[in-house]
Structures are given as structure tokens and as C-alpha cells.
Amino acid sequence: MQLRYSFRLYPDTAQRTALARAFGCARVVFNDAVRAREDARKAGAAFPTAGELSRKLITEAKRTVERAWLGEVSAVVLQQALRDAEAAYRNFFASLKGARKGVKTGAPRFKSRKDNRESIRFTANARWSITGSGRLNLPKIGAVKVKWPRTLPTAPSSVTVIKDAAGRYFASFVIDTDPAADAHRMPDSDQMVGIDLGLTHFAVLSDGRVIDSPRFLRRAEKKLKKAQRDLSRKQKGSKNREKARLKVARAHAQVADARREFHHQLSTQLIRENQAIGVEDLAVKGLARTRLAKSLHDAGWAQFVAMLEYKAVRYGRTLVKIGRFDPTSQTCSACGVKDGPKPLHIREWTCPACGTVHDRDHNAAKNVKTAAGLAVAACGAQVGPGLVLAQRDEAGSHGFSPEPRAA
């Protein structure tokens, strides 16, 4: 299984300049590839192959006066930009044919120099390395300081250097893990739990535990509003506006990082304690169009369930998704009688058949657990998607260690 381990980078002034040059060259090559494909489409000609694009946009372009500066960066960075353009077109055509699941993907667009997120990728051919002092040595950039919250379990196959909207730099390593070793790390368990996700409480478990919702966005809303007001008053194109934009981006990054860390800790705890987990397949996109949209995005249900999915695959656990139309809130978990739909303001109800008094969310979690148990018994295998990539911050990329450690 492939995972991504992300760590914070701290480049010096010269290295920031070299990284900015590499980001710009990769963007230009990507745009040239998109332009070449669009020109061929308008002319009714065949799309140029990857080899033709590489020869024309990189090898021959370096010999011209207009593109001579492409030789100042690693050739691997430029080749990977072409690969990204090819992958974007493959995804676009697969989406048109219906062979790609999920939301339809649009045609590749030109990248703007004003984009707040930039990235470049180095493969093994680039001969990048981790020095003995724990620095990341990148070709034509130098040895960049890295904060290692923990060591890499295996040797990575590639590294992607990312600059986010808040001006932070990250190194994202791709590694291959051993499924048997990962499953051995988790303790044996025969427990099963059902999860009912909500807004008043983030999650209510079938064993009675209630996980409060941290409401990271709501708590930071006052600070975000002030930062956004300051940004709107700055003149466009000025340096003060760029400073204000960074303040807004950093405030949002703090909220997103805190939410992601909460989801990681809770999902790992549930995976460690339970062999099987049941969760509802919620219509998040539909609910996000209602008046509860802000609270829904603040909770981050989709991100949490995605973490449960890939961690269940990684550690040999079973995740069962219950249909969104299953009447978990209408059925008595004690006797199984369906009592009909209830408004959201009704948090407790009494079963007319057996007289059991139910908490709405706890009863739903019990029904999710029951339905998940039946699904596991029926199929005897894992229910859910196949292998997926880990989240970017799975390795705790925002932690700080007293001293850097090499892989």
C-alpha cells in the first residue's frame, strides 16, 4: 500500500528563490503542454505524444533564447510537469467516457502565476537524498532544513515539494508499506462499533460514548472575519494586500490543521479499538446546499470517513457503510419496530411497542452497528473502496521534534 508522509520544510532565502524558479518553470512547461494539445485539437490534428512534447517543450526549448532559463532547474521537475498534464487529460477523457468514478472532471486549464499553491516533484532519477544531518538535498536547490516528527519507515520512491497558500513549505514522500507489518501493529480485537455522525455532537457511538464537536471554524470565526475585513480594505496589487492575504490564509490553515488532527486522532483510536466499524453513507453534497452548510463543513464528515476507509484497509480492519436511506433514527434498537420519521428537534422518543426510551443519536448508532454486523456476516469481507492514498498529514507533518532525524 502506498502512503504519503509529509514534513515541514524551512528553506533559507536563496533556497526560496530557487524553489520559486522551479515552481515557475514547471508551470510554464505544463501550460505549454496544454497549449500544444489545444492547438492540435483546434487544427483537427492528432494530439502530440509525450515523447514529442518532451523533445519540443524541454529539449529544444532550452536551446532557444525565450526558454533558455528552463536549464536552470532540474530536468526531472520539467518531465514531471509533462506527466501531470498527461494525467490531467487522461482523467478528463476517462470522465467523459464514464470510466472514472465521482464528479466529472473538466478539461485541463492553464496554471496562473497568481496561484497560491505550487508544487514540484522529484523522482529517483533526480538523485535527491536525505543527508546525515537530516536535511533534504534537492538538485539545483540545495540542502533544505526539515523537521522530522518521526522517521520514515522505508526508503521513499519520490518527494513532492509543496508551497501552500499560507506560504509554508512541505516535503511529501511516497513510500510503500507492508500490509502484514501494518496489521501486526494493531492489537487484536473482536469489538464492533456503530457511529452516528451529527452536528450537535460530532459522533455518538453505539457503546454510549459521545464525541463532542470541536467547532474549529465557529471558534475562529471572529478572527477570520477581522482578517478578511482587513484584506478587503487593501488596494489590489499592493504589498500590504499580499500581507493581509497571508494572514487570512494562515488563519484558515490553522483551522484546517486543527480539524485534520482531530479527525486523525479519533479515526486512529476507533480503528485500534474495533475490528469492524459501521458508519452511515451520508449525502454530504446534498446537505451542504442547505442552511446547515457552514456547520456541516466545519464538522468535516467526508474527511473523517475517508480516513476511516484508508486506515481500515491499511490495518486489516472492516469498514461497513450503511445506506443513507436506512431508517436508523426511526427503528427501535431494542425490538426492531419502525416508529416512523421524526422531526430533528425530537431528541428522545419512546418505542410504542416495547416502551423503551431512546436517545435519538444513540439509538441510531446501535442500528448502524446492527446493520453493519449483518453486512459483515452476509459478505464475510471488507465493504468499501480499494486501496487509497493516505492523507497528506498522516505522518504528523506539523509536529516539531527537538532535533532533526534522517530516514
Protein backbone atom coordinates (compact mmCIF):
# COMPACT_ATOMS: atom_id res chain seq x y z
CA MET A 1 0.00 0.00 0.00
CA GLN A 2 1.30 3.45 -0.90
CA LEU A 3 1.28 6.21 1.70
CA ARG A 4 2.36 9.83 1.80
CA TYR A 5 4.44 11.14 4.68
CA SER A 6 4.53 14.92 4.80
CA PHE A 7 7.07 17.00 6.73
CA ARG A 8 7.58 20.74 7.15
CA LEU A 9 10.43 22.39 5.24
CA TYR A 10 12.30 25.56 6.23
CA PRO A 11 14.26 26.80 3.18
CA ASP A 12 16.54 29.81 3.52
CA THR A 13 16.31 32.91 1.31
CA ALA A 14 18.44 31.50 -1.54
CA GLN A 15 16.56 28.20 -1.47
CA ARG A 16 13.20 30.01 -1.56
CA THR A 17 14.38 31.81 -4.69
CA ALA A 18 15.48 28.53 -6.28
CA LEU A 19 12.16 26.89 -5.38
CA ALA A 20 10.22 29.83 -6.84
CA ARG A 21 12.24 29.43 -10.06
CA ALA A 22 11.45 25.69 -10.15
CA PHE A 23 7.75 26.31 -9.49
CA GLY A 24 7.65 28.83 -12.33
CA CYS A 25 9.46 26.57 -14.82
CA ALA A 26 7.16 23.64 -14.02
CA ARG A 27 4.13 25.89 -14.50
CA VAL A 28 5.40 27.14 -17.89
CA VAL A 29 6.03 23.60 -19.17
CA PHE A 30 2.59 22.48 -18.00
CA ASN A 31 0.94 25.43 -19.76
CA ASP A 32 2.96 24.81 -22.93
CA ALA A 33 1.76 21.20 -22.95
CA VAL A 34 -1.88 22.25 -22.53
CA ARG A 35 -1.46 24.86 -25.27
CA ALA A 36 0.06 22.31 -27.66
CA ARG A 37 -2.84 19.91 -27.10
CA GLU A 38 -5.39 22.70 -27.59
CA ASP A 39 -3.74 23.89 -30.79
CA ALA A 40 -3.81 20.33 -32.15
CA ARG A 41 -7.49 19.98 -31.23
CA LYS A 42 -8.44 23.24 -32.97
CA ALA A 43 -6.46 22.25 -36.06
CA GLY A 44 -8.09 18.82 -36.13
CA ALA A 45 -4.71 17.11 -35.92
CA ALA A 46 -3.65 14.21 -33.72
CA PHE A 47 -2.58 15.02 -30.21
CA PRO A 48 1.21 15.15 -29.83
CA THR A 49 2.67 12.22 -27.92
CA ALA A 50 4.52 12.53 -24.63
CA GLY A 51 7.86 11.99 -26.40
CA GLU A 52 7.14 14.73 -28.92
CA LEU A 53 6.15 17.16 -26.18
CA SER A 54 9.25 16.34 -24.16
CA ARG A 55 11.53 16.94 -27.13
CA LYS A 56 9.81 20.13 -28.25
CA LEU A 57 8.91 21.78 -24.94
CA ILE A 58 12.01 20.84 -22.94
CA THR A 59 14.99 19.70 -25.01
CA GLU A 60 14.56 22.07 -27.94
CA ALA A 61 13.08 24.88 -25.83
CA LYS A 62 16.25 25.08 -23.71
CA ARG A 63 18.23 25.97 -26.84
CA THR A 64 16.08 29.00 -27.61
CA VAL A 65 16.55 32.47 -26.19
CA GLU A 66 12.95 32.66 -24.93
CA ARG A 67 13.16 29.42 -22.89
CA ALA A 68 16.87 29.18 -22.09
CA TRP A 69 16.12 29.65 -18.38
CA LEU A 70 14.50 26.20 -18.28
CA GLY A 71 18.02 24.81 -17.95
CA GLU A 72 18.39 26.45 -14.53
CA VAL A 73 16.20 23.83 -12.85
CA SER A 74 16.30 20.04 -12.68
CA ALA A 75 15.11 18.33 -15.86
CA VAL A 76 13.13 15.84 -13.74
CA VAL A 77 10.91 18.68 -12.49
CA LEU A 78 10.05 19.60 -16.08
CA GLN A 79 9.41 15.98 -17.07
CA GLN A 80 7.06 15.54 -14.11
CA ALA A 81 5.14 18.66 -15.17
CA LEU A 82 4.53 16.99 -18.54
CA ARG A 83 3.40 13.83 -16.75
CA ASP A 84 0.92 15.90 -14.73
CA ALA A 85 -0.52 17.37 -17.93
CA GLU A 86 -0.85 13.90 -19.47
CA ALA A 87 -2.55 12.59 -16.31
CA ALA A 88 -4.97 15.53 -16.36
CA TYR A 89 -6.00 14.73 -19.92
CA ARG A 90 -6.35 11.01 -19.16
CA ASN A 91 -8.64 11.79 -16.24
CA PHE A 92 -10.65 14.20 -18.40
CA PHE A 93 -11.23 11.67 -21.19
CA ALA A 94 -11.97 8.86 -18.72
CA SER A 95 -14.54 11.11 -17.07
CA LEU A 96 -16.18 11.86 -20.43
CA LYS A 97 -16.46 8.13 -21.17
CA GLY A 98 -17.85 7.36 -17.73
CA ALA A 99 -14.89 5.18 -16.83
CA ARG A 100 -13.88 7.45 -13.94
CA LYS A 101 -15.98 7.43 -10.80
CA GLY A 102 -17.02 10.54 -8.95
CA VAL A 103 -17.69 14.07 -10.16
CA LYS A 104 -16.97 14.71 -13.83
CA THR A 105 -13.53 16.18 -14.41
CA GLY A 106 -13.16 19.24 -16.61
CA ALA A 107 -10.54 19.80 -19.29
CA PRO A 108 -7.09 20.89 -18.05
CA ARG A 109 -6.71 24.64 -17.68
CA PHE A 110 -3.72 26.93 -17.73
CA LYS A 111 -1.99 27.46 -14.40
CA SER A 112 -1.72 31.06 -13.26
CA ARG A 113 1.37 32.62 -11.74
CA LYS A 114 -1.01 34.02 -9.11
CA ASP A 115 -1.95 30.55 -7.86
CA ASN A 116 -1.42 30.35 -4.11
CA ARG A 117 -0.49 26.65 -4.12
CA GLU A 118 2.51 25.39 -6.07
CA SER A 119 4.32 22.07 -6.22
CA ILE A 120 7.17 20.25 -7.95
CA ARG A 121 8.05 16.54 -7.87
CA PHE A 122 11.42 14.78 -7.78
CA THR A 123 11.67 11.08 -8.63
CA ALA A 124 14.60 8.77 -8.01
CA ASN A 125 16.15 9.89 -11.32
CA ALA A 126 16.68 13.35 -9.85
CA ARG A 127 19.17 11.90 -7.33
CA TRP A 128 17.73 13.72 -4.35
CA SER A 129 18.80 12.45 -0.94
CA ILE A 130 18.48 12.87 2.82
CA THR A 131 21.78 13.92 4.35
CA GLY A 132 23.27 12.54 7.54
CA SER A 133 22.24 15.70 9.39
CA GLY A 134 18.60 15.22 8.39
CA ARG A 135 18.40 17.77 5.57
CA LEU A 136 16.67 17.18 2.24
CA ASN A 137 19.20 17.63 -0.56
CA LEU A 138 17.41 18.66 -3.78
CA PRO A 139 19.18 19.14 -7.16
CA LYS A 140 19.88 22.80 -8.03
CA ILE A 141 18.18 23.88 -4.80
CA GLY A 142 20.44 22.66 -2.01
CA ALA A 143 20.12 21.00 1.38
CA VAL A 144 16.83 22.21 2.88
CA LYS A 145 16.13 22.04 6.60
CA VAL A 146 13.40 19.54 7.57
CA LYS A 147 11.54 19.00 10.82
CA TRP A 148 11.19 15.24 11.39
CA PRO A 149 8.37 14.36 13.83
CA ARG A 150 9.33 10.73 13.17
CA THR A 151 11.49 8.74 10.82
CA LEU A 152 10.35 7.30 7.52
CA PRO A 153 9.57 3.56 7.83
CA THR A 154 11.03 2.70 4.41
CA ALA A 155 13.00 4.40 1.67
CA PRO A 156 10.71 6.75 -0.31
CA SER A 157 10.36 6.49 -4.07
CA SER A 158 9.69 10.19 -4.74
CA VAL A 159 9.29 13.51 -3.00
CA THR A 160 6.96 16.39 -3.81
CA VAL A 161 7.82 19.87 -2.56
CA ILE A 162 4.66 21.88 -1.87
CA LYS A 163 4.12 25.54 -1.08
CA ASP A 164 0.62 26.14 0.29
CA ALA A 165 -1.50 29.29 0.34
CA ALA A 166 -0.16 30.23 3.77
CA GLY A 167 3.41 30.36 2.45
CA ARG A 168 4.50 27.15 4.19
CA TYR A 169 6.73 24.55 2.53
CA PHE A 170 6.26 20.79 2.83
CA ALA A 171 8.05 17.69 1.58
CA SER A 172 5.65 14.87 0.75
CA PHE A 173 7.34 11.45 0.48
CA VAL A 174 5.72 8.45 -1.23
CA ILE A 175 6.55 5.13 0.41
CA ASP A 176 5.40 1.52 0.03
CA THR A 177 4.35 -0.18 3.26
CA ASP A 178 3.99 -3.85 4.13
CA PRO A 179 0.30 -4.66 4.82
CA ALA A 180 1.23 -7.58 7.07
CA ALA A 181 3.53 -5.40 9.18
CA ASP A 182 0.89 -2.67 9.44
CA ALA A 183 -1.78 -5.14 10.53
CA HIS A 184 0.60 -6.60 13.11
CA ARG A 185 0.98 -3.18 14.71
CA MET A 186 -2.68 -3.11 15.69
CA PRO A 187 -3.83 -5.13 18.72
CA ASP A 188 -6.27 -7.98 18.16
CA SER A 189 -9.87 -7.02 18.80
CA ASP A 190 -13.28 -8.61 18.38
CA GLN A 191 -15.20 -5.40 19.06
CA MET A 192 -17.63 -3.77 16.63
CA VAL A 193 -18.95 -0.22 16.87
CA GLY A 194 -21.58 1.82 15.07
CA ILE A 195 -21.11 5.55 14.52
CA ASP A 196 -23.85 8.14 14.15
CA LEU A 197 -22.36 11.40 12.89
CA GLY A 198 -24.04 14.67 13.82
CA LEU A 199 -23.63 18.40 14.32
CA THR A 200 -24.64 18.89 17.96
CA HIS A 201 -22.21 16.07 18.80
CA PHE A 202 -19.62 15.12 16.22
CA ALA A 203 -20.23 11.41 16.77
CA VAL A 204 -22.30 9.18 19.04
CA LEU A 205 -21.05 5.60 19.33
CA SER A 206 -23.16 2.51 19.85
CA ASP A 207 -21.37 1.79 23.15
CA GLY A 208 -22.73 5.05 24.59
CA ARG A 209 -19.69 7.29 24.13
CA VAL A 210 -20.37 10.82 22.91
CA ILE A 211 -17.69 12.73 20.96
CA ASP A 212 -18.29 16.47 21.21
CA SER A 213 -17.87 18.60 18.10
CA PRO A 214 -14.87 20.95 18.48
CA ARG A 215 -16.38 23.50 16.04
CA PHE A 216 -12.98 24.78 14.95
CA LEU A 217 -14.41 27.17 12.36
CA ARG A 218 -17.03 28.64 14.68
CA ARG A 219 -14.44 29.26 17.38
CA ALA A 220 -12.11 31.05 14.95
CA GLU A 221 -14.87 32.93 13.12
CA LYS A 222 -14.26 36.27 14.86
CA LYS A 223 -10.57 36.21 13.99
CA LEU A 224 -11.30 35.17 10.41
CA LYS A 225 -13.85 37.96 9.92
CA LYS A 226 -11.40 40.59 11.12
CA ALA A 227 -8.64 39.27 8.87
CA GLN A 228 -11.00 39.17 5.89
CA ARG A 229 -12.17 42.75 6.56
CA ASP A 230 -8.57 43.95 6.67
CA LEU A 231 -7.89 42.18 3.36
CA SER A 232 -10.90 43.76 1.62
CA ARG A 233 -9.67 47.25 2.53
CA LYS A 234 -6.23 46.85 0.97
CA GLN A 235 -5.52 48.08 -2.53
CA LYS A 236 -5.32 45.31 -5.09
CA GLY A 237 -1.79 44.56 -6.22
CA SER A 238 -0.16 46.23 -3.22
CA LYS A 239 2.30 44.62 -0.83
CA ASN A 240 0.01 45.31 2.10
CA ARG A 241 -2.73 43.32 0.38
CA GLU A 242 -0.36 40.37 -0.01
CA LYS A 243 0.48 40.58 3.69
CA ALA A 244 -3.23 40.65 4.57
CA ARG A 245 -3.88 37.70 2.24
CA LEU A 246 -1.22 35.68 4.04
CA LYS A 247 -2.88 36.45 7.39
CA VAL A 248 -6.22 35.16 6.09
CA ALA A 249 -4.60 32.05 4.60
CA ARG A 250 -2.72 31.28 7.82
CA ALA A 251 -5.88 31.69 9.89
CA HIS A 252 -7.72 29.24 7.64
CA ALA A 253 -4.72 26.87 7.69
CA GLN A 254 -4.81 26.79 11.49
CA VAL A 255 -8.49 25.82 11.42
CA ALA A 256 -7.95 23.14 8.77
CA ASP A 257 -4.90 21.70 10.55
CA ALA A 258 -6.72 21.50 13.90
CA ARG A 259 -9.71 19.77 12.28
CA ARG A 260 -7.48 17.33 10.42
CA GLU A 261 -5.55 16.47 13.57
CA PHE A 262 -8.82 15.83 15.45
CA HIS A 263 -10.04 13.53 12.68
CA HIS A 264 -6.74 11.63 12.62
CA GLN A 265 -6.69 11.05 16.36
CA LEU A 266 -10.33 9.92 16.54
CA SER A 267 -10.17 7.69 13.45
CA THR A 268 -6.95 6.02 14.64
CA GLN A 269 -8.47 5.41 18.07
CA LEU A 270 -11.58 3.79 16.59
CA ILE A 271 -9.53 1.65 14.20
CA ARG A 272 -7.27 0.49 17.05
CA GLU A 273 -10.15 -0.43 19.38
CA ASN A 274 -12.52 -2.15 16.90
CA GLN A 275 -12.23 -4.88 14.34
CA ALA A 276 -15.35 -3.70 12.47
CA ILE A 277 -16.85 -0.22 12.20
CA GLY A 278 -20.24 0.77 10.82
CA VAL A 279 -20.96 4.27 9.54
CA GLU A 280 -23.74 5.85 7.51
CA ASP A 281 -23.14 6.78 3.88
CA LEU A 282 -24.30 10.39 4.22
CA ALA A 283 -25.24 12.67 1.30
CA VAL A 284 -22.75 15.36 2.26
CA LYS A 285 -23.02 17.28 -1.03
CA GLY A 286 -26.78 17.47 -0.75
CA LEU A 287 -26.69 18.55 2.88
CA ALA A 288 -24.07 21.18 2.03
CA ARG A 289 -26.69 23.03 -0.03
CA THR A 290 -28.92 23.59 2.99
CA ARG A 291 -28.82 26.20 5.77
CA LEU A 292 -26.58 23.83 7.74
CA ALA A 293 -23.78 24.12 5.18
CA LYS A 294 -21.31 26.03 7.37
CA SER A 295 -21.76 23.69 10.35
CA LEU A 296 -21.54 20.69 8.04
CA HIS A 297 -18.24 21.78 6.51
CA ASP A 298 -16.95 22.69 9.97
CA ALA A 299 -17.57 19.10 11.12
CA GLY A 300 -15.80 17.60 8.08
CA TRP A 301 -17.72 14.31 7.88
CA ALA A 302 -16.37 13.37 4.44
CA GLN A 303 -12.74 13.78 5.51
CA PHE A 304 -13.31 11.73 8.66
CA VAL A 305 -14.98 8.86 6.80
CA ALA A 306 -12.20 8.91 4.18
CA MET A 307 -9.64 8.49 6.96
CA LEU A 308 -11.57 5.54 8.36
CA GLU A 309 -11.60 3.98 4.89
CA TYR A 310 -7.90 4.04 4.18
CA LYS A 311 -6.89 3.17 7.75
CA ALA A 312 -9.24 0.18 7.72
CA VAL A 313 -7.56 -1.03 4.52
CA ARG A 314 -4.10 -0.40 5.92
CA TYR A 315 -4.55 -2.13 9.26
CA GLY A 316 -6.77 -5.02 8.20
CA ARG A 317 -9.99 -3.75 9.76
CA THR A 318 -13.51 -3.86 8.30
CA LEU A 319 -15.48 -0.73 7.49
CA VAL A 320 -19.14 -1.08 6.52
CA LYS A 321 -21.12 1.80 5.04
CA ILE A 322 -24.84 1.72 5.74
CA GLY A 323 -27.21 3.06 3.10
CA ARG A 324 -28.27 6.64 3.64
CA PHE A 325 -31.94 5.67 3.33
CA ASP A 326 -31.85 3.05 6.10
CA PRO A 327 -34.30 4.20 8.84
CA THR A 328 -31.73 4.15 11.66
CA SER A 329 -33.47 7.00 13.51
CA GLN A 330 -36.94 5.53 13.06
CA THR A 331 -36.31 1.95 14.21
CA CYS A 332 -36.26 0.78 17.83
CA SER A 333 -32.88 -0.82 18.52
CA ALA A 334 -34.46 -3.00 21.25
CA CYS A 335 -37.37 -4.65 19.44
CA GLY A 336 -36.89 -3.59 15.81
CA VAL A 337 -40.26 -1.84 15.40
CA LYS A 338 -40.25 1.06 12.95
CA ASP A 339 -41.91 4.10 14.51
CA GLY A 340 -41.84 6.43 11.52
CA PRO A 341 -39.99 9.67 10.75
CA LYS A 342 -39.43 12.29 13.44
CA PRO A 343 -38.50 16.00 13.26
CA LEU A 344 -34.94 16.93 14.13
CA HIS A 345 -35.95 18.74 17.34
CA ILE A 346 -37.13 15.43 18.87
CA ARG A 347 -34.00 14.08 20.58
CA GLU A 348 -35.71 11.39 22.71
CA TRP A 349 -38.66 9.13 21.98
CA THR A 350 -40.41 6.13 23.50
CA CYS A 351 -40.98 2.98 21.48
CA PRO A 352 -44.75 2.32 21.32
CA ALA A 353 -44.19 -1.44 21.13
CA CYS A 354 -41.75 -2.18 23.97
CA GLY A 355 -41.79 1.11 25.89
CA THR A 356 -38.01 1.65 25.69
CA VAL A 357 -36.93 5.27 25.98
CA HIS A 358 -34.35 6.07 23.30
CA ASP A 359 -31.87 8.85 22.79
CA ARG A 360 -32.20 9.60 19.08
CA ASP A 361 -28.46 9.53 18.23
CA HIS A 362 -27.54 6.61 20.50
CA ASN A 363 -30.40 4.54 19.06
CA ALA A 364 -29.26 5.36 15.51
CA ALA A 365 -25.69 4.30 16.35
CA LYS A 366 -26.97 0.97 17.69
CA ASN A 367 -28.96 0.40 14.49
CA VAL A 368 -25.89 1.24 12.40
CA LYS A 369 -23.90 -1.35 14.36
CA THR A 370 -26.64 -3.96 13.86
CA ALA A 371 -26.84 -3.28 10.12
CA ALA A 372 -23.04 -3.37 9.83
CA GLY A 373 -22.93 -6.73 11.64
CA LEU A 374 -25.47 -8.18 9.24
CA ALA A 375 -23.50 -6.89 6.25
CA VAL A 376 -20.27 -8.43 7.51
CA ALA A 377 -21.99 -11.74 8.17
CA ALA A 378 -23.56 -11.73 4.72
CA CYS A 379 -20.44 -11.00 2.69
CA GLY A 380 -17.67 -12.05 5.06
CA ALA A 381 -15.32 -9.48 3.56
CA GLN A 382 -14.42 -5.87 3.68
CA VAL A 383 -17.02 -3.42 2.47
CA GLY A 384 -15.73 -0.20 1.00
CA PRO A 385 -13.29 1.08 -1.63
CA GLY A 386 -9.99 -0.41 -2.57
CA LEU A 387 -6.52 0.83 -1.73
CA VAL A 388 -6.31 4.59 -1.32
CA LEU A 389 -3.53 7.05 -0.64
CA ALA A 390 -3.11 8.28 2.90
CA GLN A 391 -3.94 11.84 3.82
CA ARG A 392 -1.17 14.37 3.40
CA ASP A 393 -0.72 14.91 7.14
CA GLU A 394 -0.90 11.21 8.10
CA ALA A 395 2.67 11.42 9.36
CA GLY A 396 2.04 14.40 11.60
CA SER A 397 3.62 16.95 9.30
CA HIS A 398 3.05 19.86 11.65
CA GLY A 399 4.82 18.41 14.67
CA PHE A 400 8.20 19.53 15.90
CA SER A 401 10.96 17.35 17.23
CA PRO A 402 13.87 18.56 19.38
CA GLU A 403 16.37 17.62 16.68
CA PRO A 404 16.13 16.50 13.04
CA ARG A 405 16.41 12.83 12.27
CA ALA A 406 17.30 11.21 8.99
CA ALA A 407 15.31 8.39 7.47
